Amino acid sequence: MDYLTNSAEETQKIGEKFAQEISRGKTAVIICLKGKLGAGKTTFLQGLARGLKIKEKILSPTFVIMNRIGLRGGVCKNFYHFDCYRLEDSKEIIDLGFEEIISDKNNLVCIEWPEKIAKVLPTEVIEINFEVLEGDKRKIHPHLFKKDGGKKTKKKWKRKKEKIMFL
């Protein structure tokens, strides 16, 4: 199911509602956010953070690559926000402890520009595509993805039949 938003505030509300779904017992969640610059990925994560009761301001960690925020009281203990836009090679993210982070089921991991690290992503992720329509209008398309046969290239990802619905 696709969601259409007309403003940054509406995009944040979609993120906030999504947080309510994943905070009900789903752990070890990897969320990959795809879209052009300015498509609403970070805006969505701001809403997601609000839904998780995170007080810190969520900004894209473009220059530091990763931010971690400890969570209190929810199912997840840590919120990780990766921005892979400036990465040249998947090895760069491995050097940040990425494999350990995604293997800990107490972590919620959100990744902007996941295509840059497709080789090291787990076999199943939630992918959310953001499309700029006109002005502040956005189309948000969440779905589950699974790597095809364990191949490690972004071209080998297939959409699973399950749809993510959170409204």
N, C-alpha and C. Protein backbone atom coordinates (compact mmCIF):
# COMPACT_ATOMS: atom_id res chain seq x y z
N MET A 1 0.84 -1.17 0.00
CA MET A 1 0.00 0.00 0.00
C MET A 1 0.89 1.24 0.00
N ASP A 2 0.57 2.18 -0.83
CA ASP A 2 1.30 3.44 -0.89
C ASP A 2 0.59 4.49 -0.03
N TYR A 3 1.37 5.42 0.49
CA TYR A 3 0.85 6.51 1.29
C TYR A 3 1.25 7.81 0.61
N LEU A 4 0.31 8.73 0.48
CA LEU A 4 0.59 10.03 -0.11
C LEU A 4 0.56 11.08 0.99
N THR A 5 1.57 11.94 1.00
CA THR A 5 1.61 13.02 1.97
C THR A 5 1.73 14.34 1.22
N ASN A 6 1.23 15.38 1.84
CA ASN A 6 1.24 16.71 1.22
C ASN A 6 2.17 17.69 1.92
N SER A 7 2.84 17.24 2.98
CA SER A 7 3.72 18.14 3.73
C SER A 7 4.72 17.31 4.53
N ALA A 8 5.74 17.99 5.03
CA ALA A 8 6.72 17.34 5.89
C ALA A 8 6.04 16.82 7.16
N GLU A 9 5.09 17.57 7.68
CA GLU A 9 4.38 17.16 8.88
C GLU A 9 3.62 15.85 8.66
N GLU A 10 2.99 15.70 7.50
CA GLU A 10 2.27 14.46 7.20
C GLU A 10 3.25 13.29 7.05
N THR A 11 4.41 13.54 6.46
CA THR A 11 5.42 12.50 6.33
C THR A 11 5.90 12.07 7.72
N GLN A 12 6.08 13.03 8.62
CA GLN A 12 6.47 12.70 9.99
C GLN A 12 5.39 11.89 10.69
N LYS A 13 4.14 12.20 10.45
CA LYS A 13 3.04 11.45 11.07
C LYS A 13 3.03 9.99 10.60
N ILE A 14 3.36 9.77 9.33
CA ILE A 14 3.46 8.39 8.83
C ILE A 14 4.57 7.66 9.59
N GLY A 15 5.72 8.32 9.77
CA GLY A 15 6.82 7.73 10.53
C GLY A 15 6.43 7.44 11.97
N GLU A 16 5.70 8.36 12.57
CA GLU A 16 5.26 8.18 13.95
C GLU A 16 4.33 6.97 14.08
N LYS A 17 3.42 6.81 13.15
CA LYS A 17 2.51 5.66 13.17
C LYS A 17 3.28 4.36 12.93
N PHE A 18 4.27 4.41 12.08
CA PHE A 18 5.11 3.23 11.83
C PHE A 18 5.81 2.81 13.12
N ALA A 19 6.29 3.77 13.89
CA ALA A 19 6.96 3.47 15.17
C ALA A 19 6.02 2.75 16.12
N GLN A 20 4.76 3.11 16.11
CA GLN A 20 3.80 2.44 16.98
C GLN A 20 3.68 0.96 16.63
N GLU A 21 3.81 0.63 15.37
CA GLU A 21 3.74 -0.77 14.95
C GLU A 21 4.99 -1.54 15.37
N ILE A 22 6.14 -1.00 15.14
CA ILE A 22 7.36 -1.75 15.44
C ILE A 22 7.66 -1.77 16.93
N SER A 23 7.06 -0.87 17.70
CA SER A 23 7.32 -0.88 19.13
C SER A 23 6.45 -1.89 19.86
N ARG A 24 5.63 -2.60 19.15
CA ARG A 24 4.76 -3.60 19.76
C ARG A 24 5.37 -4.99 19.73
N GLY A 25 6.65 -5.11 19.87
CA GLY A 25 7.27 -6.42 20.00
C GLY A 25 8.15 -6.83 18.85
N LYS A 26 8.23 -6.05 17.80
CA LYS A 26 9.13 -6.40 16.68
C LYS A 26 10.50 -5.82 16.97
N THR A 27 11.46 -6.72 17.08
CA THR A 27 12.84 -6.28 17.36
C THR A 27 13.74 -6.72 16.20
N ALA A 28 14.97 -6.38 16.29
CA ALA A 28 15.94 -6.67 15.23
C ALA A 28 15.43 -6.19 13.89
N VAL A 29 14.90 -5.01 13.86
CA VAL A 29 14.31 -4.46 12.65
C VAL A 29 15.34 -3.65 11.88
N ILE A 30 15.44 -3.93 10.58
CA ILE A 30 16.29 -3.15 9.68
C ILE A 30 15.37 -2.43 8.71
N ILE A 31 15.42 -1.11 8.71
CA ILE A 31 14.60 -0.30 7.82
C ILE A 31 15.51 0.43 6.84
N CYS A 32 15.35 0.14 5.56
CA CYS A 32 16.14 0.78 4.51
C CYS A 32 15.28 1.84 3.84
N LEU A 33 15.76 3.07 3.83
CA LEU A 33 15.02 4.18 3.25
C LEU A 33 15.67 4.61 1.95
N LYS A 34 14.90 4.57 0.87
CA LYS A 34 15.43 4.88 -0.45
C LYS A 34 14.67 6.04 -1.07
N GLY A 35 15.41 6.90 -1.74
CA GLY A 35 14.81 8.03 -2.43
C GLY A 35 15.88 9.07 -2.71
N LYS A 36 15.55 9.99 -3.59
CA LYS A 36 16.49 11.04 -3.95
C LYS A 36 16.73 11.97 -2.77
N LEU A 37 17.75 12.81 -2.89
CA LEU A 37 17.98 13.85 -1.88
C LEU A 37 16.72 14.69 -1.73
N GLY A 38 16.32 14.93 -0.50
CA GLY A 38 15.15 15.75 -0.24
C GLY A 38 13.82 15.04 -0.42
N ALA A 39 13.84 13.72 -0.55
CA ALA A 39 12.60 12.98 -0.79
C ALA A 39 11.78 12.73 0.47
N GLY A 40 12.37 12.91 1.65
CA GLY A 40 11.61 12.75 2.89
C GLY A 40 12.11 11.64 3.81
N LYS A 41 13.26 11.08 3.52
CA LYS A 41 13.77 9.97 4.33
C LYS A 41 14.03 10.42 5.78
N THR A 42 14.78 11.48 5.94
CA THR A 42 15.08 11.96 7.29
C THR A 42 13.83 12.50 7.97
N THR A 43 12.97 13.14 7.22
CA THR A 43 11.71 13.64 7.77
C THR A 43 10.87 12.50 8.33
N PHE A 44 10.79 11.40 7.59
CA PHE A 44 10.09 10.21 8.06
C PHE A 44 10.71 9.72 9.37
N LEU A 45 12.06 9.68 9.41
CA LEU A 45 12.75 9.20 10.62
C LEU A 45 12.52 10.13 11.81
N GLN A 46 12.33 11.41 11.57
CA GLN A 46 12.00 12.32 12.66
C GLN A 46 10.67 11.93 13.30
N GLY A 47 9.70 11.57 12.46
CA GLY A 47 8.42 11.10 12.98
C GLY A 47 8.56 9.76 13.69
N LEU A 48 9.35 8.86 13.10
CA LEU A 48 9.60 7.56 13.71
C LEU A 48 10.20 7.75 15.10
N ALA A 49 11.17 8.64 15.22
CA ALA A 49 11.81 8.93 16.50
C ALA A 49 10.80 9.49 17.50
N ARG A 50 9.95 10.38 17.05
CA ARG A 50 8.92 10.93 17.93
C ARG A 50 8.01 9.81 18.43
N GLY A 51 7.66 8.88 17.55
CA GLY A 51 6.84 7.74 17.95
C GLY A 51 7.53 6.82 18.93
N LEU A 52 8.85 6.81 18.92
CA LEU A 52 9.64 6.00 19.86
C LEU A 52 9.97 6.76 21.14
N LYS A 53 9.46 7.99 21.26
CA LYS A 53 9.68 8.86 22.43
C LYS A 53 11.13 9.34 22.53
N ILE A 54 11.80 9.45 21.40
CA ILE A 54 13.17 9.98 21.37
C ILE A 54 13.10 11.50 21.45
N LYS A 55 13.84 12.06 22.37
CA LYS A 55 13.84 13.52 22.57
C LYS A 55 14.87 14.23 21.71
N GLU A 56 15.95 13.53 21.37
CA GLU A 56 17.02 14.14 20.58
C GLU A 56 16.52 14.50 19.19
N LYS A 57 17.10 15.56 18.64
CA LYS A 57 16.74 15.97 17.28
C LYS A 57 17.38 15.01 16.28
N ILE A 58 16.60 14.54 15.33
CA ILE A 58 17.10 13.60 14.33
C ILE A 58 17.52 14.37 13.09
N LEU A 59 18.79 14.32 12.80
CA LEU A 59 19.36 14.91 11.60
C LEU A 59 20.09 13.80 10.85
N SER A 60 20.22 13.96 9.57
CA SER A 60 20.91 12.95 8.78
C SER A 60 22.40 12.98 9.13
N PRO A 61 22.97 11.83 9.53
CA PRO A 61 24.39 11.81 9.92
C PRO A 61 25.32 11.66 8.71
N THR A 62 25.14 12.53 7.72
CA THR A 62 25.88 12.41 6.47
C THR A 62 27.38 12.39 6.67
N PHE A 63 27.91 13.22 7.53
CA PHE A 63 29.36 13.31 7.68
C PHE A 63 29.92 12.35 8.73
N VAL A 64 29.09 11.94 9.69
CA VAL A 64 29.57 10.99 10.69
C VAL A 64 29.12 9.57 10.39
N ILE A 65 28.29 9.39 9.42
CA ILE A 65 27.78 8.11 8.92
C ILE A 65 26.75 7.47 9.85
N MET A 66 26.96 7.51 11.18
CA MET A 66 26.08 6.80 12.09
C MET A 66 25.81 7.60 13.36
N ASN A 67 24.58 7.54 13.82
CA ASN A 67 24.21 8.05 15.14
C ASN A 67 23.54 6.91 15.91
N ARG A 68 23.79 6.84 17.20
CA ARG A 68 23.12 5.88 18.06
C ARG A 68 22.44 6.62 19.20
N ILE A 69 21.20 6.25 19.45
CA ILE A 69 20.45 6.82 20.56
C ILE A 69 19.93 5.66 21.40
N GLY A 70 20.24 5.70 22.68
CA GLY A 70 19.73 4.68 23.59
C GLY A 70 18.26 4.92 23.86
N LEU A 71 17.49 3.84 23.91
CA LEU A 71 16.06 3.93 24.16
C LEU A 71 15.75 3.37 25.55
N ARG A 72 14.79 3.99 26.19
CA ARG A 72 14.36 3.51 27.50
C ARG A 72 12.94 3.02 27.40
N GLY A 73 12.67 1.92 28.04
CA GLY A 73 11.29 1.45 28.14
C GLY A 73 10.74 0.79 26.91
N GLY A 74 11.16 0.79 25.79
CA GLY A 74 10.51 0.09 24.68
C GLY A 74 11.09 -1.29 24.46
N VAL A 75 10.72 -1.88 23.40
CA VAL A 75 11.22 -3.21 23.06
C VAL A 75 12.68 -3.13 22.64
N CYS A 76 13.02 -2.12 21.88
CA CYS A 76 14.41 -1.95 21.40
C CYS A 76 15.21 -1.13 22.42
N LYS A 77 16.48 -1.44 22.51
CA LYS A 77 17.35 -0.72 23.43
C LYS A 77 18.12 0.40 22.75
N ASN A 78 18.32 0.27 21.43
CA ASN A 78 19.11 1.25 20.69
C ASN A 78 18.45 1.58 19.35
N PHE A 79 18.52 2.84 18.99
CA PHE A 79 18.07 3.32 17.68
C PHE A 79 19.33 3.75 16.94
N TYR A 80 19.62 3.09 15.83
CA TYR A 80 20.77 3.44 14.99
C TYR A 80 20.28 4.08 13.71
N HIS A 81 20.92 5.17 13.33
CA HIS A 81 20.59 5.86 12.09
C HIS A 81 21.87 5.97 11.27
N PHE A 82 21.88 5.26 10.15
CA PHE A 82 23.03 5.29 9.24
C PHE A 82 22.67 6.10 8.00
N ASP A 83 23.60 6.91 7.55
CA ASP A 83 23.46 7.61 6.27
C ASP A 83 24.67 7.22 5.43
N CYS A 84 24.43 6.41 4.42
CA CYS A 84 25.53 5.83 3.62
C CYS A 84 25.83 6.63 2.36
N TYR A 85 25.28 7.81 2.23
CA TYR A 85 25.41 8.61 1.02
C TYR A 85 26.87 8.81 0.60
N ARG A 86 27.74 9.07 1.54
CA ARG A 86 29.13 9.39 1.23
C ARG A 86 30.05 8.17 1.19
N LEU A 87 29.51 7.00 1.45
CA LEU A 87 30.36 5.80 1.44
C LEU A 87 30.76 5.41 0.02
N GLU A 88 31.98 4.99 -0.12
CA GLU A 88 32.49 4.52 -1.41
C GLU A 88 32.48 3.00 -1.49
N ASP A 89 32.55 2.35 -0.33
CA ASP A 89 32.68 0.90 -0.29
C ASP A 89 31.97 0.35 0.94
N SER A 90 31.38 -0.82 0.83
CA SER A 90 30.69 -1.45 1.96
C SER A 90 31.61 -1.68 3.14
N LYS A 91 32.90 -1.84 2.88
CA LYS A 91 33.86 -2.09 3.96
C LYS A 91 33.86 -0.95 4.98
N GLU A 92 33.59 0.24 4.53
CA GLU A 92 33.58 1.39 5.43
C GLU A 92 32.56 1.23 6.55
N ILE A 93 31.41 0.65 6.23
CA ILE A 93 30.37 0.47 7.25
C ILE A 93 30.71 -0.71 8.16
N ILE A 94 31.36 -1.70 7.63
CA ILE A 94 31.81 -2.85 8.45
C ILE A 94 32.76 -2.36 9.53
N ASP A 95 33.62 -1.41 9.18
CA ASP A 95 34.59 -0.86 10.13
C ASP A 95 33.91 -0.14 11.30
N LEU A 96 32.64 0.22 11.14
CA LEU A 96 31.89 0.88 12.21
C LEU A 96 31.17 -0.12 13.12
N GLY A 97 31.38 -1.41 12.90
CA GLY A 97 30.74 -2.42 13.71
C GLY A 97 29.35 -2.80 13.23
N PHE A 98 29.08 -2.55 11.95
CA PHE A 98 27.75 -2.77 11.39
C PHE A 98 27.24 -4.19 11.58
N GLU A 99 28.10 -5.18 11.36
CA GLU A 99 27.66 -6.58 11.48
C GLU A 99 27.20 -6.90 12.90
N GLU A 100 27.90 -6.38 13.89
CA GLU A 100 27.48 -6.60 15.28
C GLU A 100 26.18 -5.87 15.58
N ILE A 101 26.04 -4.67 15.06
CA ILE A 101 24.84 -3.88 15.30
C ILE A 101 23.61 -4.56 14.74
N ILE A 102 23.68 -5.04 13.49
CA ILE A 102 22.50 -5.65 12.89
C ILE A 102 22.23 -7.06 13.41
N SER A 103 23.19 -7.67 14.08
CA SER A 103 22.95 -9.00 14.62
C SER A 103 22.35 -8.95 16.03
N ASP A 104 22.32 -7.79 16.65
CA ASP A 104 21.75 -7.64 17.99
C ASP A 104 20.25 -7.34 17.85
N LYS A 105 19.42 -8.28 18.26
CA LYS A 105 17.98 -8.12 18.08
C LYS A 105 17.36 -7.05 18.96
N ASN A 106 18.13 -6.42 19.79
CA ASN A 106 17.63 -5.30 20.60
C ASN A 106 17.77 -3.96 19.89
N ASN A 107 18.29 -3.98 18.66
CA ASN A 107 18.55 -2.74 17.94
C ASN A 107 17.51 -2.51 16.85
N LEU A 108 17.16 -1.26 16.68
CA LEU A 108 16.38 -0.80 15.54
C LEU A 108 17.36 -0.03 14.67
N VAL A 109 17.52 -0.46 13.42
CA VAL A 109 18.53 0.11 12.54
C VAL A 109 17.87 0.71 11.31
N CYS A 110 18.05 2.01 11.12
CA CYS A 110 17.48 2.72 9.97
C CYS A 110 18.64 3.16 9.08
N ILE A 111 18.51 2.87 7.78
CA ILE A 111 19.62 3.11 6.86
C ILE A 111 19.15 3.95 5.68
N GLU A 112 19.72 5.13 5.54
CA GLU A 112 19.49 5.93 4.34
C GLU A 112 20.56 5.58 3.31
N TRP A 113 20.20 5.53 2.06
CA TRP A 113 21.08 5.16 0.96
C TRP A 113 21.59 3.72 1.12
N PRO A 114 20.70 2.76 1.37
CA PRO A 114 21.13 1.37 1.57
C PRO A 114 21.75 0.72 0.34
N GLU A 115 21.46 1.24 -0.83
CA GLU A 115 22.04 0.67 -2.06
C GLU A 115 23.57 0.75 -2.05
N LYS A 116 24.12 1.67 -1.27
CA LYS A 116 25.57 1.81 -1.16
C LYS A 116 26.21 0.65 -0.40
N ILE A 117 25.40 -0.06 0.41
CA ILE A 117 25.93 -1.16 1.22
C ILE A 117 25.15 -2.46 0.98
N ALA A 118 24.57 -2.60 -0.19
CA ALA A 118 23.73 -3.77 -0.49
C ALA A 118 24.44 -5.08 -0.23
N LYS A 119 25.74 -5.11 -0.42
CA LYS A 119 26.50 -6.36 -0.23
C LYS A 119 26.48 -6.86 1.20
N VAL A 120 26.29 -5.98 2.16
CA VAL A 120 26.38 -6.37 3.57
C VAL A 120 25.05 -6.32 4.31
N LEU A 121 23.97 -6.04 3.60
CA LEU A 121 22.65 -6.02 4.24
C LEU A 121 22.19 -7.44 4.54
N PRO A 122 21.39 -7.60 5.58
CA PRO A 122 20.86 -8.93 5.87
C PRO A 122 19.89 -9.38 4.78
N THR A 123 19.49 -10.63 4.83
CA THR A 123 18.67 -11.19 3.75
C THR A 123 17.26 -10.60 3.69
N GLU A 124 16.73 -10.14 4.81
CA GLU A 124 15.41 -9.52 4.79
C GLU A 124 15.47 -8.16 5.46
N VAL A 125 14.84 -7.20 4.81
CA VAL A 125 14.76 -5.84 5.36
C VAL A 125 13.39 -5.27 5.03
N ILE A 126 13.03 -4.27 5.79
CA ILE A 126 11.88 -3.45 5.41
C ILE A 126 12.44 -2.32 4.57
N GLU A 127 11.93 -2.18 3.37
CA GLU A 127 12.38 -1.09 2.51
C GLU A 127 11.24 -0.10 2.35
N ILE A 128 11.56 1.17 2.49
CA ILE A 128 10.58 2.23 2.30
C ILE A 128 11.11 3.14 1.21
N ASN A 129 10.38 3.21 0.10
CA ASN A 129 10.75 4.07 -1.02
C ASN A 129 10.01 5.39 -0.91
N PHE A 130 10.73 6.47 -1.16
CA PHE A 130 10.17 7.82 -1.12
C PHE A 130 10.28 8.44 -2.50
N GLU A 131 9.17 8.94 -2.99
CA GLU A 131 9.15 9.55 -4.31
C GLU A 131 8.60 10.97 -4.19
N VAL A 132 9.33 11.93 -4.76
CA VAL A 132 8.87 13.31 -4.80
C VAL A 132 7.89 13.43 -5.95
N LEU A 133 6.67 13.90 -5.65
CA LEU A 133 5.67 14.06 -6.70
C LEU A 133 5.70 15.49 -7.24
N GLU A 134 5.31 16.44 -6.44
CA GLU A 134 5.43 17.86 -6.81
C GLU A 134 5.38 18.67 -5.54
N GLY A 135 6.21 19.69 -5.47
CA GLY A 135 6.27 20.50 -4.26
C GLY A 135 6.60 19.64 -3.05
N ASP A 136 5.72 19.69 -2.04
CA ASP A 136 5.93 18.92 -0.82
C ASP A 136 5.23 17.57 -0.84
N LYS A 137 4.59 17.23 -1.95
CA LYS A 137 3.89 15.94 -2.04
C LYS A 137 4.88 14.80 -2.17
N ARG A 138 4.62 13.72 -1.43
CA ARG A 138 5.48 12.55 -1.45
C ARG A 138 4.63 11.30 -1.56
N LYS A 139 5.19 10.29 -2.24
CA LYS A 139 4.60 8.96 -2.23
C LYS A 139 5.55 8.08 -1.43
N ILE A 140 5.00 7.39 -0.43
CA ILE A 140 5.79 6.54 0.45
C ILE A 140 5.31 5.11 0.23
N HIS A 141 6.25 4.25 -0.12
CA HIS A 141 5.90 2.86 -0.46
C HIS A 141 6.73 1.90 0.39
N PRO A 142 6.13 1.38 1.49
CA PRO A 142 6.84 0.41 2.33
C PRO A 142 6.58 -1.03 1.88
N HIS A 143 7.59 -1.88 1.97
CA HIS A 143 7.42 -3.29 1.63
C HIS A 143 8.59 -4.10 2.20
N LEU A 144 8.41 -5.40 2.26
CA LEU A 144 9.48 -6.29 2.69
C LEU A 144 10.29 -6.70 1.48
N PHE A 145 11.58 -6.78 1.65
CA PHE A 145 12.45 -7.25 0.58
C PHE A 145 13.27 -8.42 1.09
N LYS A 146 13.57 -9.33 0.23
CA LYS A 146 14.41 -10.47 0.56
C LYS A 146 15.42 -10.67 -0.57
N LYS A 147 16.67 -10.90 -0.19
CA LYS A 147 17.70 -11.16 -1.20
C LYS A 147 17.38 -12.44 -1.92
N ASP A 148 17.57 -12.44 -3.20
CA ASP A 148 17.30 -13.59 -4.05
C ASP A 148 18.45 -14.58 -3.99
N GLY A 149 18.20 -15.75 -3.40
CA GLY A 149 19.20 -16.82 -3.40
C GLY A 149 20.50 -16.46 -2.72
N GLY A 150 20.48 -15.48 -1.84
CA GLY A 150 21.70 -15.12 -1.14
C GLY A 150 22.68 -14.32 -1.97
N LYS A 151 22.32 -13.98 -3.19
CA LYS A 151 23.21 -13.16 -4.02
C LYS A 151 23.35 -11.81 -3.34
N LYS A 152 24.48 -11.21 -3.49
CA LYS A 152 24.75 -9.98 -2.76
C LYS A 152 24.81 -8.76 -3.65
N THR A 153 23.90 -8.64 -4.56
CA THR A 153 23.86 -7.43 -5.37
C THR A 153 22.47 -6.83 -5.28
N LYS A 154 22.40 -5.52 -5.34
CA LYS A 154 21.11 -4.86 -5.21
C LYS A 154 20.16 -5.25 -6.33
N LYS A 155 20.66 -5.68 -7.46
CA LYS A 155 19.80 -6.07 -8.58
C LYS A 155 19.07 -7.38 -8.31
N LYS A 156 19.49 -8.11 -7.30
CA LYS A 156 18.91 -9.43 -7.01
C LYS A 156 17.86 -9.39 -5.91
N TRP A 157 17.42 -8.23 -5.53
CA TRP A 157 16.40 -8.14 -4.49
C TRP A 157 15.04 -8.34 -5.13
N LYS A 158 14.18 -9.08 -4.48
CA LYS A 158 12.82 -9.31 -4.97
C LYS A 158 11.83 -8.89 -3.91
N ARG A 159 10.73 -8.38 -4.34
CA ARG A 159 9.68 -8.00 -3.41
C ARG A 159 8.97 -9.25 -2.94
N LYS A 160 8.75 -9.35 -1.64
CA LYS A 160 7.96 -10.45 -1.10
C LYS A 160 6.49 -10.06 -1.21
N LYS A 161 5.61 -11.02 -1.09
CA LYS A 161 4.19 -10.74 -1.23
C LYS A 161 3.61 -9.95 -0.06
N GLU A 162 4.22 -10.06 1.12
CA GLU A 162 3.70 -9.34 2.27
C GLU A 162 3.84 -7.84 2.03
N LYS A 163 2.84 -7.11 2.47
CA LYS A 163 2.91 -5.66 2.40
C LYS A 163 2.98 -5.11 3.81
N ILE A 164 3.62 -4.02 3.96
CA ILE A 164 3.70 -3.36 5.26
C ILE A 164 2.56 -2.36 5.32
N MET A 165 1.72 -2.50 6.29
CA MET A 165 0.62 -1.55 6.45
C MET A 165 0.67 -1.03 7.87
N PHE A 166 0.70 0.27 8.03
CA PHE A 166 0.81 0.80 9.37
C PHE A 166 -0.12 1.98 9.64
N LEU A 167 -1.16 2.09 8.89
CA LEU A 167 -2.16 3.13 9.20
C LEU A 167 -3.49 2.51 9.46
